[in-house]
Amino acid sequence: MARICVFCASSTQLEPRWLELGRVVGLALADAGHEVVSGGGRVGMMGTVAEGARSGGARTVGVIPQSLVDLEVADSGADELVVTDGMAARKIVMIERSDVFVVLPGGLGTLDELFEVWTTATLGLHDKPVILLDAEGFFSGLLAWLRGLESAGFVTTKGMAKVHVATTVDEVLDAVRRFG
């Protein structure tokens, strides 16, 4: 069993298909016997990942800053809810408490988390796999831009290789088995 940290959208404005993707990912991780670490929110994809994981019997750990608890968005159903003093501390705890990172579609916060774990892996500060779920081509523009940075010498080939791109939930599970 691995502790899988899932980064994803917490927006309440999402189309149902993205919420369903979160639920399916959570359930699939549970079915594979993994623990799920999330950003500790009960809203958006973040909430549906945790709900899906729990519905499949997985243990869930939410890591949330006090400021978001104060906004009443904490996942009170989490088996363990870790409250931090800010967003930076939240990322540190999530990195420390996880064996693998799975990145689902999301906005600025998700991209911040992706780049944090990707950069720290590239710098050799951890050797934990980073798996990007490019569902429906969600990240294709970002990946094309990053490949352009690689060809221009701004990102190393070694750095690009630190992220494993999957296009389906089954590919995510396969990557967790291979790299996790």
N, C-alpha and C. Protein backbone atom coordinates (compact mmCIF):
# COMPACT_ATOMS: atom_id res chain seq x y z
N MET A 1 0.84 -1.19 0.00
CA MET A 1 0.00 0.00 0.00
C MET A 1 0.88 1.24 0.00
N ALA A 2 0.56 2.16 -0.87
CA ALA A 2 1.27 3.43 -0.92
C ALA A 2 0.35 4.54 -0.43
N ARG A 3 0.96 5.60 0.05
CA ARG A 3 0.20 6.79 0.41
C ARG A 3 0.25 7.71 -0.81
N ILE A 4 -0.90 7.87 -1.45
CA ILE A 4 -0.99 8.62 -2.70
C ILE A 4 -1.55 10.00 -2.42
N CYS A 5 -0.77 11.02 -2.72
CA CYS A 5 -1.23 12.40 -2.59
C CYS A 5 -1.85 12.81 -3.91
N VAL A 6 -3.09 13.26 -3.85
CA VAL A 6 -3.79 13.70 -5.05
C VAL A 6 -3.95 15.21 -5.00
N PHE A 7 -3.39 15.88 -6.00
CA PHE A 7 -3.57 17.32 -6.17
C PHE A 7 -4.63 17.52 -7.24
N CYS A 8 -5.60 18.40 -6.99
CA CYS A 8 -6.65 18.63 -7.97
C CYS A 8 -7.46 19.87 -7.60
N ALA A 9 -8.42 20.19 -8.43
CA ALA A 9 -9.24 21.38 -8.27
C ALA A 9 -10.14 21.29 -7.04
N SER A 10 -10.27 22.43 -6.38
CA SER A 10 -11.22 22.52 -5.27
C SER A 10 -12.36 23.49 -5.63
N SER A 11 -12.41 23.89 -6.86
CA SER A 11 -13.43 24.83 -7.32
C SER A 11 -14.83 24.24 -7.20
N THR A 12 -15.77 25.09 -6.83
CA THR A 12 -17.17 24.67 -6.77
C THR A 12 -17.89 24.97 -8.09
N GLN A 13 -17.18 25.43 -9.09
CA GLN A 13 -17.76 25.80 -10.38
C GLN A 13 -17.52 24.76 -11.47
N LEU A 14 -17.09 23.57 -11.12
CA LEU A 14 -16.68 22.56 -12.10
C LEU A 14 -17.85 21.87 -12.78
N GLU A 15 -17.60 21.45 -14.01
CA GLU A 15 -18.57 20.63 -14.72
C GLU A 15 -18.62 19.25 -14.05
N PRO A 16 -19.77 18.60 -14.08
CA PRO A 16 -19.92 17.29 -13.41
C PRO A 16 -18.89 16.25 -13.85
N ARG A 17 -18.44 16.29 -15.09
CA ARG A 17 -17.49 15.26 -15.55
C ARG A 17 -16.18 15.31 -14.76
N TRP A 18 -15.76 16.51 -14.33
CA TRP A 18 -14.52 16.61 -13.56
C TRP A 18 -14.73 16.09 -12.15
N LEU A 19 -15.89 16.35 -11.58
CA LEU A 19 -16.19 15.81 -10.25
C LEU A 19 -16.24 14.29 -10.30
N GLU A 20 -16.83 13.76 -11.35
CA GLU A 20 -16.89 12.31 -11.52
C GLU A 20 -15.50 11.72 -11.68
N LEU A 21 -14.63 12.40 -12.41
CA LEU A 21 -13.25 11.93 -12.55
C LEU A 21 -12.60 11.83 -11.17
N GLY A 22 -12.79 12.83 -10.34
CA GLY A 22 -12.24 12.80 -8.99
C GLY A 22 -12.75 11.61 -8.20
N ARG A 23 -14.05 11.36 -8.27
CA ARG A 23 -14.64 10.23 -7.55
C ARG A 23 -14.07 8.91 -8.05
N VAL A 24 -13.95 8.77 -9.36
CA VAL A 24 -13.42 7.53 -9.96
C VAL A 24 -11.97 7.31 -9.54
N VAL A 25 -11.17 8.37 -9.53
CA VAL A 25 -9.77 8.24 -9.11
C VAL A 25 -9.70 7.81 -7.65
N GLY A 26 -10.47 8.45 -6.79
CA GLY A 26 -10.47 8.08 -5.38
C GLY A 26 -10.87 6.63 -5.17
N LEU A 27 -11.92 6.20 -5.86
CA LEU A 27 -12.38 4.81 -5.75
C LEU A 27 -11.33 3.84 -6.28
N ALA A 28 -10.71 4.17 -7.40
CA ALA A 28 -9.68 3.30 -8.00
C ALA A 28 -8.48 3.16 -7.07
N LEU A 29 -8.06 4.26 -6.45
CA LEU A 29 -6.94 4.19 -5.51
C LEU A 29 -7.31 3.32 -4.31
N ALA A 30 -8.55 3.45 -3.83
CA ALA A 30 -9.01 2.62 -2.72
C ALA A 30 -9.02 1.14 -3.13
N ASP A 31 -9.57 0.86 -4.30
CA ASP A 31 -9.65 -0.53 -4.78
C ASP A 31 -8.26 -1.16 -4.90
N ALA A 32 -7.26 -0.32 -5.19
CA ALA A 32 -5.88 -0.82 -5.31
C ALA A 32 -5.19 -0.91 -3.94
N GLY A 33 -5.90 -0.52 -2.88
CA GLY A 33 -5.37 -0.67 -1.53
C GLY A 33 -4.54 0.49 -1.02
N HIS A 34 -4.67 1.64 -1.63
CA HIS A 34 -3.85 2.79 -1.24
C HIS A 34 -4.55 3.70 -0.25
N GLU A 35 -3.77 4.42 0.51
CA GLU A 35 -4.25 5.52 1.36
C GLU A 35 -4.21 6.78 0.50
N VAL A 36 -5.16 7.67 0.72
CA VAL A 36 -5.23 8.89 -0.08
C VAL A 36 -4.98 10.11 0.80
N VAL A 37 -4.02 10.92 0.38
CA VAL A 37 -3.71 12.19 1.03
C VAL A 37 -4.23 13.29 0.12
N SER A 38 -4.98 14.24 0.69
CA SER A 38 -5.52 15.33 -0.13
C SER A 38 -5.31 16.66 0.57
N GLY A 39 -5.75 17.70 -0.10
CA GLY A 39 -5.64 19.05 0.45
C GLY A 39 -6.62 19.35 1.57
N GLY A 40 -7.40 18.36 1.98
CA GLY A 40 -8.24 18.50 3.16
C GLY A 40 -9.54 19.25 2.97
N GLY A 41 -9.89 19.57 1.72
CA GLY A 41 -11.15 20.27 1.46
C GLY A 41 -12.25 19.30 1.12
N ARG A 42 -13.48 19.71 1.36
CA ARG A 42 -14.64 18.86 1.05
C ARG A 42 -15.33 19.29 -0.23
N VAL A 43 -14.77 20.26 -0.95
CA VAL A 43 -15.41 20.82 -2.12
C VAL A 43 -14.66 20.47 -3.40
N GLY A 44 -15.34 20.60 -4.53
CA GLY A 44 -14.73 20.37 -5.83
C GLY A 44 -14.24 18.94 -6.01
N MET A 45 -13.29 18.78 -6.92
CA MET A 45 -12.71 17.46 -7.16
C MET A 45 -12.05 16.94 -5.90
N MET A 46 -11.45 17.83 -5.12
CA MET A 46 -10.78 17.41 -3.90
C MET A 46 -11.75 16.64 -3.00
N GLY A 47 -12.93 17.16 -2.85
CA GLY A 47 -13.94 16.49 -2.04
C GLY A 47 -14.39 15.17 -2.63
N THR A 48 -14.55 15.13 -3.96
CA THR A 48 -15.03 13.88 -4.57
C THR A 48 -13.95 12.81 -4.59
N VAL A 49 -12.68 13.20 -4.68
CA VAL A 49 -11.59 12.21 -4.57
C VAL A 49 -11.66 11.55 -3.20
N ALA A 50 -11.75 12.36 -2.15
CA ALA A 50 -11.79 11.82 -0.79
C ALA A 50 -13.03 10.96 -0.57
N GLU A 51 -14.18 11.44 -1.04
CA GLU A 51 -15.41 10.66 -0.89
C GLU A 51 -15.32 9.33 -1.63
N GLY A 52 -14.79 9.39 -2.85
CA GLY A 52 -14.63 8.15 -3.63
C GLY A 52 -13.70 7.18 -2.93
N ALA A 53 -12.60 7.69 -2.40
CA ALA A 53 -11.64 6.83 -1.70
C ALA A 53 -12.28 6.19 -0.48
N ARG A 54 -12.99 6.98 0.30
CA ARG A 54 -13.64 6.42 1.50
C ARG A 54 -14.73 5.42 1.14
N SER A 55 -15.46 5.69 0.06
CA SER A 55 -16.52 4.75 -0.34
C SER A 55 -15.93 3.40 -0.75
N GLY A 56 -14.65 3.40 -1.15
CA GLY A 56 -13.96 2.16 -1.50
C GLY A 56 -13.19 1.56 -0.34
N GLY A 57 -13.29 2.19 0.83
CA GLY A 57 -12.65 1.64 2.02
C GLY A 57 -11.26 2.17 2.31
N ALA A 58 -10.81 3.17 1.59
CA ALA A 58 -9.47 3.71 1.82
C ALA A 58 -9.44 4.64 3.03
N ARG A 59 -8.31 4.70 3.66
CA ARG A 59 -8.06 5.69 4.70
C ARG A 59 -7.72 6.99 4.00
N THR A 60 -8.26 8.10 4.48
CA THR A 60 -7.98 9.40 3.88
C THR A 60 -7.37 10.33 4.92
N VAL A 61 -6.40 11.10 4.45
CA VAL A 61 -5.74 12.11 5.28
C VAL A 61 -5.90 13.44 4.55
N GLY A 62 -6.48 14.41 5.21
CA GLY A 62 -6.62 15.74 4.64
C GLY A 62 -5.63 16.67 5.32
N VAL A 63 -5.00 17.51 4.52
CA VAL A 63 -4.04 18.49 5.05
C VAL A 63 -4.53 19.86 4.61
N ILE A 64 -4.90 20.70 5.55
CA ILE A 64 -5.57 21.95 5.22
C ILE A 64 -5.07 23.08 6.11
N PRO A 65 -4.87 24.27 5.54
CA PRO A 65 -4.48 25.41 6.38
C PRO A 65 -5.67 25.91 7.22
N GLN A 66 -5.37 26.45 8.37
CA GLN A 66 -6.41 26.96 9.27
C GLN A 66 -7.32 27.96 8.57
N SER A 67 -6.76 28.77 7.68
CA SER A 67 -7.58 29.78 6.99
C SER A 67 -8.72 29.15 6.19
N LEU A 68 -8.50 27.94 5.64
CA LEU A 68 -9.56 27.27 4.90
C LEU A 68 -10.52 26.55 5.84
N VAL A 69 -10.02 26.09 6.98
CA VAL A 69 -10.92 25.53 7.99
C VAL A 69 -11.89 26.62 8.42
N ASP A 70 -11.37 27.84 8.60
CA ASP A 70 -12.19 28.97 9.03
C ASP A 70 -13.29 29.30 8.01
N LEU A 71 -13.06 28.97 6.74
CA LEU A 71 -14.06 29.19 5.70
C LEU A 71 -15.06 28.03 5.61
N GLU A 72 -14.92 27.08 6.51
CA GLU A 72 -15.83 25.93 6.61
C GLU A 72 -15.79 25.03 5.38
N VAL A 73 -14.61 24.81 4.82
CA VAL A 73 -14.50 23.91 3.68
C VAL A 73 -13.71 22.64 4.02
N ALA A 74 -13.41 22.41 5.30
CA ALA A 74 -12.62 21.24 5.70
C ALA A 74 -13.40 19.95 5.50
N ASP A 75 -12.68 18.91 5.13
CA ASP A 75 -13.24 17.58 4.94
C ASP A 75 -13.37 16.90 6.30
N SER A 76 -14.49 17.13 6.95
CA SER A 76 -14.71 16.59 8.29
C SER A 76 -14.85 15.07 8.29
N GLY A 77 -15.00 14.46 7.12
CA GLY A 77 -15.09 13.01 7.02
C GLY A 77 -13.74 12.32 6.92
N ALA A 78 -12.66 13.09 6.83
CA ALA A 78 -11.32 12.49 6.71
C ALA A 78 -11.01 11.66 7.94
N ASP A 79 -10.30 10.58 7.73
CA ASP A 79 -9.87 9.75 8.86
C ASP A 79 -8.88 10.52 9.73
N GLU A 80 -8.12 11.38 9.10
CA GLU A 80 -7.19 12.25 9.83
C GLU A 80 -7.19 13.60 9.12
N LEU A 81 -7.37 14.67 9.87
CA LEU A 81 -7.33 16.01 9.31
C LEU A 81 -6.19 16.76 9.99
N VAL A 82 -5.18 17.10 9.20
CA VAL A 82 -4.01 17.83 9.69
C VAL A 82 -4.21 19.29 9.34
N VAL A 83 -4.20 20.15 10.34
CA VAL A 83 -4.39 21.58 10.13
C VAL A 83 -3.04 22.27 10.25
N THR A 84 -2.68 23.04 9.20
CA THR A 84 -1.40 23.74 9.18
C THR A 84 -1.63 25.24 9.34
N ASP A 85 -0.54 25.97 9.50
CA ASP A 85 -0.66 27.41 9.68
C ASP A 85 -0.62 28.19 8.37
N GLY A 86 -0.53 27.52 7.25
CA GLY A 86 -0.53 28.23 5.96
C GLY A 86 -0.37 27.26 4.80
N MET A 87 -0.46 27.82 3.60
CA MET A 87 -0.40 27.02 2.38
C MET A 87 0.98 26.38 2.18
N ALA A 88 2.05 27.10 2.49
CA ALA A 88 3.40 26.55 2.33
C ALA A 88 3.60 25.36 3.26
N ALA A 89 3.16 25.50 4.50
CA ALA A 89 3.28 24.40 5.46
C ALA A 89 2.44 23.21 5.01
N ARG A 90 1.30 23.49 4.41
CA ARG A 90 0.44 22.42 3.89
C ARG A 90 1.18 21.57 2.88
N LYS A 91 1.87 22.21 1.93
CA LYS A 91 2.61 21.46 0.92
C LYS A 91 3.72 20.63 1.54
N ILE A 92 4.41 21.18 2.51
CA ILE A 92 5.48 20.43 3.17
C ILE A 92 4.94 19.16 3.82
N VAL A 93 3.83 19.29 4.54
CA VAL A 93 3.23 18.13 5.20
C VAL A 93 2.77 17.11 4.16
N MET A 94 2.15 17.58 3.09
CA MET A 94 1.66 16.66 2.06
C MET A 94 2.83 15.90 1.41
N ILE A 95 3.93 16.59 1.17
CA ILE A 95 5.10 15.94 0.59
C ILE A 95 5.66 14.90 1.58
N GLU A 96 5.77 15.27 2.83
CA GLU A 96 6.32 14.36 3.84
C GLU A 96 5.44 13.14 4.05
N ARG A 97 4.12 13.30 3.96
CA ARG A 97 3.19 12.22 4.29
C ARG A 97 2.85 11.32 3.09
N SER A 98 3.47 11.55 1.93
CA SER A 98 3.09 10.84 0.71
C SER A 98 4.25 10.09 0.10
N ASP A 99 3.90 9.01 -0.63
CA ASP A 99 4.89 8.21 -1.35
C ASP A 99 4.87 8.50 -2.85
N VAL A 100 3.71 8.91 -3.36
CA VAL A 100 3.48 9.15 -4.79
C VAL A 100 2.56 10.35 -4.91
N PHE A 101 2.76 11.15 -5.96
CA PHE A 101 1.88 12.29 -6.23
C PHE A 101 1.14 12.06 -7.53
N VAL A 102 -0.17 12.22 -7.48
CA VAL A 102 -1.01 12.13 -8.68
C VAL A 102 -1.67 13.49 -8.85
N VAL A 103 -1.48 14.06 -10.03
CA VAL A 103 -2.00 15.40 -10.31
C VAL A 103 -3.15 15.29 -11.30
N LEU A 104 -4.32 15.74 -10.88
CA LEU A 104 -5.51 15.76 -11.72
C LEU A 104 -5.73 17.18 -12.23
N PRO A 105 -6.67 17.37 -13.14
CA PRO A 105 -6.96 18.72 -13.60
C PRO A 105 -7.24 19.67 -12.43
N GLY A 106 -6.77 20.89 -12.59
CA GLY A 106 -6.97 21.90 -11.57
C GLY A 106 -6.49 23.25 -12.05
N GLY A 107 -6.55 24.21 -11.17
CA GLY A 107 -6.17 25.57 -11.50
C GLY A 107 -4.83 25.96 -10.90
N LEU A 108 -4.73 27.21 -10.46
CA LEU A 108 -3.46 27.74 -9.98
C LEU A 108 -2.90 26.97 -8.80
N GLY A 109 -3.76 26.61 -7.83
CA GLY A 109 -3.27 25.87 -6.67
C GLY A 109 -2.71 24.52 -7.06
N THR A 110 -3.39 23.84 -7.97
CA THR A 110 -2.93 22.53 -8.44
C THR A 110 -1.61 22.67 -9.18
N LEU A 111 -1.50 23.70 -10.02
CA LEU A 111 -0.25 23.92 -10.73
C LEU A 111 0.89 24.25 -9.77
N ASP A 112 0.60 25.03 -8.74
CA ASP A 112 1.59 25.34 -7.71
C ASP A 112 2.09 24.05 -7.07
N GLU A 113 1.17 23.16 -6.71
CA GLU A 113 1.55 21.90 -6.08
C GLU A 113 2.34 21.02 -7.05
N LEU A 114 1.89 20.94 -8.31
CA LEU A 114 2.62 20.18 -9.32
C LEU A 114 4.05 20.67 -9.43
N PHE A 115 4.23 21.96 -9.60
CA PHE A 115 5.58 22.49 -9.79
C PHE A 115 6.44 22.35 -8.54
N GLU A 116 5.84 22.42 -7.37
CA GLU A 116 6.59 22.22 -6.12
C GLU A 116 7.17 20.81 -6.06
N VAL A 117 6.32 19.79 -6.26
CA VAL A 117 6.83 18.43 -6.14
C VAL A 117 7.72 18.06 -7.33
N TRP A 118 7.46 18.62 -8.48
CA TRP A 118 8.29 18.35 -9.65
C TRP A 118 9.66 18.99 -9.48
N THR A 119 9.70 20.24 -9.06
CA THR A 119 10.97 20.93 -8.86
C THR A 119 11.81 20.25 -7.79
N THR A 120 11.18 19.92 -6.66
CA THR A 120 11.94 19.30 -5.58
C THR A 120 12.43 17.90 -5.98
N ALA A 121 11.68 17.18 -6.81
CA ALA A 121 12.16 15.89 -7.33
C ALA A 121 13.34 16.10 -8.27
N THR A 122 13.25 17.11 -9.13
CA THR A 122 14.32 17.40 -10.08
C THR A 122 15.61 17.80 -9.36
N LEU A 123 15.45 18.49 -8.23
CA LEU A 123 16.62 18.90 -7.44
C LEU A 123 17.16 17.77 -6.56
N GLY A 124 16.49 16.62 -6.58
CA GLY A 124 16.94 15.48 -5.80
C GLY A 124 16.57 15.55 -4.33
N LEU A 125 15.60 16.42 -3.98
CA LEU A 125 15.19 16.54 -2.58
C LEU A 125 14.26 15.40 -2.17
N HIS A 126 13.68 14.72 -3.14
CA HIS A 126 12.93 13.49 -2.91
C HIS A 126 12.95 12.70 -4.21
N ASP A 127 12.64 11.42 -4.10
CA ASP A 127 12.59 10.59 -5.31
C ASP A 127 11.22 9.96 -5.49
N LYS A 128 10.21 10.68 -5.08
CA LYS A 128 8.83 10.19 -5.15
C LYS A 128 8.26 10.47 -6.54
N PRO A 129 7.55 9.49 -7.12
CA PRO A 129 7.00 9.67 -8.46
C PRO A 129 5.93 10.77 -8.51
N VAL A 130 5.92 11.46 -9.64
CA VAL A 130 4.91 12.47 -9.94
C VAL A 130 4.19 12.00 -11.20
N ILE A 131 2.88 11.77 -11.07
CA ILE A 131 2.08 11.26 -12.19
C ILE A 131 1.02 12.29 -12.53
N LEU A 132 1.02 12.72 -13.77
CA LEU A 132 0.09 13.73 -14.24
C LEU A 132 -1.01 13.05 -15.06
N LEU A 133 -2.25 13.18 -14.64
CA LEU A 133 -3.37 12.62 -15.39
C LEU A 133 -3.87 13.66 -16.39
N ASP A 134 -3.47 13.47 -17.63
CA ASP A 134 -3.84 14.38 -18.72
C ASP A 134 -5.18 13.94 -19.32
N ALA A 135 -6.21 13.90 -18.49
CA ALA A 135 -7.54 13.48 -18.92
C ALA A 135 -8.10 14.48 -19.94
N GLU A 136 -8.60 13.95 -21.02
CA GLU A 136 -9.20 14.76 -22.09
C GLU A 136 -8.23 15.81 -22.63
N GLY A 137 -6.94 15.56 -22.51
CA GLY A 137 -5.94 16.52 -23.00
C GLY A 137 -5.84 17.78 -22.17
N PHE A 138 -6.32 17.72 -20.92
CA PHE A 138 -6.36 18.91 -20.05
C PHE A 138 -5.01 19.62 -19.96
N PHE A 139 -3.94 18.86 -19.85
CA PHE A 139 -2.61 19.45 -19.67
C PHE A 139 -1.80 19.53 -20.97
N SER A 140 -2.40 19.24 -22.11
CA SER A 140 -1.63 19.16 -23.35
C SER A 140 -0.95 20.48 -23.71
N GLY A 141 -1.62 21.60 -23.50
CA GLY A 141 -0.99 22.89 -23.79
C GLY A 141 0.19 23.16 -22.87
N LEU A 142 0.03 22.86 -21.60
CA LEU A 142 1.12 23.03 -20.64
C LEU A 142 2.30 22.13 -21.00
N LEU A 143 2.02 20.88 -21.34
CA LEU A 143 3.09 19.95 -21.69
C LEU A 143 3.81 20.39 -22.95
N ALA A 144 3.09 20.90 -23.94
CA ALA A 144 3.72 21.40 -25.16
C ALA A 144 4.63 22.58 -24.84
N TRP A 145 4.16 23.48 -23.99
CA TRP A 145 4.97 24.64 -23.60
C TRP A 145 6.24 24.18 -22.88
N LEU A 146 6.09 23.22 -21.97
CA LEU A 146 7.24 22.72 -21.22
C LEU A 146 8.24 22.01 -22.14
N ARG A 147 7.74 21.29 -23.12
CA ARG A 147 8.66 20.64 -24.08
C ARG A 147 9.42 21.70 -24.88
N GLY A 148 8.77 22.83 -25.14
CA GLY A 148 9.47 23.94 -25.80
C GLY A 148 10.55 24.52 -24.89
N LEU A 149 10.27 24.59 -23.61
CA LEU A 149 11.30 25.04 -22.65
C LEU A 149 12.47 24.07 -22.62
N GLU A 150 12.15 22.77 -22.74
CA GLU A 150 13.20 21.76 -22.76
C GLU A 150 14.08 21.93 -24.00
N SER A 151 13.46 22.09 -25.15
CA SER A 151 14.25 22.22 -26.38
C SER A 151 15.06 23.51 -26.40
N ALA A 152 14.60 24.52 -25.66
CA ALA A 152 15.34 25.78 -25.58
C ALA A 152 16.40 25.76 -24.46
N GLY A 153 16.45 24.68 -23.70
CA GLY A 153 17.47 24.55 -22.66
C GLY A 153 17.08 25.08 -21.29
N PHE A 154 15.83 25.49 -21.12
CA PHE A 154 15.40 26.02 -19.82
C PHE A 154 15.01 24.91 -18.84
N VAL A 155 14.62 23.76 -19.37
CA VAL A 155 14.26 22.60 -18.56
C VAL A 155 15.08 21.43 -19.09
N THR A 156 15.68 20.68 -18.18
CA THR A 156 16.51 19.56 -18.61
C THR A 156 15.65 18.36 -19.00
N THR A 157 16.22 17.51 -19.83
CA THR A 157 15.55 16.27 -20.20
C THR A 157 15.34 15.43 -18.95
N LYS A 158 16.31 15.42 -18.06
CA LYS A 158 16.20 14.69 -16.79
C LYS A 158 15.02 15.24 -15.98
N GLY A 159 14.88 16.54 -15.98
CA GLY A 159 13.77 17.16 -15.26
C GLY A 159 12.42 16.80 -15.86
N MET A 160 12.34 16.82 -17.18
CA MET A 160 11.07 16.45 -17.85
C MET A 160 10.71 15.00 -17.54
N ALA A 161 11.72 14.15 -17.41
CA ALA A 161 11.46 12.73 -17.16
C ALA A 161 10.95 12.46 -15.75
N LYS A 162 10.97 13.45 -14.89
CA LYS A 162 10.49 13.27 -13.51
C LYS A 162 8.98 13.21 -13.41
N VAL A 163 8.28 13.60 -14.48
CA VAL A 163 6.82 13.53 -14.49
C VAL A 163 6.39 12.47 -15.47
N HIS A 164 5.55 11.57 -15.00
CA HIS A 164 5.00 10.49 -15.83
C HIS A 164 3.59 10.90 -16.24
N VAL A 165 3.34 10.96 -17.53
CA VAL A 165 2.04 11.40 -18.02
C VAL A 165 1.16 10.19 -18.32
N ALA A 166 -0.05 10.22 -17.76
CA ALA A 166 -1.06 9.20 -18.01
C ALA A 166 -2.27 9.89 -18.63
N THR A 167 -3.04 9.14 -19.40
CA THR A 167 -4.24 9.72 -20.00
C THR A 167 -5.52 9.09 -19.48
N THR A 168 -5.38 7.99 -18.72
CA THR A 168 -6.55 7.31 -18.14
C THR A 168 -6.26 6.96 -16.69
N VAL A 169 -7.30 6.65 -15.95
CA VAL A 169 -7.14 6.23 -14.56
C VAL A 169 -6.37 4.92 -14.50
N ASP A 170 -6.62 4.00 -15.43
CA ASP A 170 -5.87 2.74 -15.46
C ASP A 170 -4.37 2.99 -15.66
N GLU A 171 -4.03 3.95 -16.51
CA GLU A 171 -2.61 4.29 -16.70
C GLU A 171 -2.00 4.89 -15.44
N VAL A 172 -2.80 5.66 -14.69
CA VAL A 172 -2.32 6.19 -13.41
C VAL A 172 -1.99 5.03 -12.47
N LEU A 173 -2.92 4.08 -12.34
CA LEU A 173 -2.68 2.93 -11.47
C LEU A 173 -1.46 2.13 -11.91
N ASP A 174 -1.30 1.97 -13.21
CA ASP A 174 -0.13 1.27 -13.74
C ASP A 174 1.15 2.02 -13.37
N ALA A 175 1.14 3.34 -13.51
CA ALA A 175 2.32 4.14 -13.16
C ALA A 175 2.61 4.06 -11.66
N VAL A 176 1.58 4.04 -10.84
CA VAL A 176 1.78 3.89 -9.39
C VAL A 176 2.45 2.55 -9.12
N ARG A 177 2.02 1.48 -9.78
CA ARG A 177 2.63 0.16 -9.57
C ARG A 177 4.08 0.15 -10.06
N ARG A 178 4.34 0.77 -11.21
CA ARG A 178 5.69 0.74 -11.78
C ARG A 178 6.67 1.64 -11.05
N PHE A 179 6.23 2.83 -10.68
CA PHE A 179 7.16 3.81 -10.14
C PHE A 179 7.04 4.02 -8.64
N GLY A 180 5.93 3.57 -8.05
CA GLY A 180 5.64 3.86 -6.64
C GLY A 180 6.27 2.95 -5.66
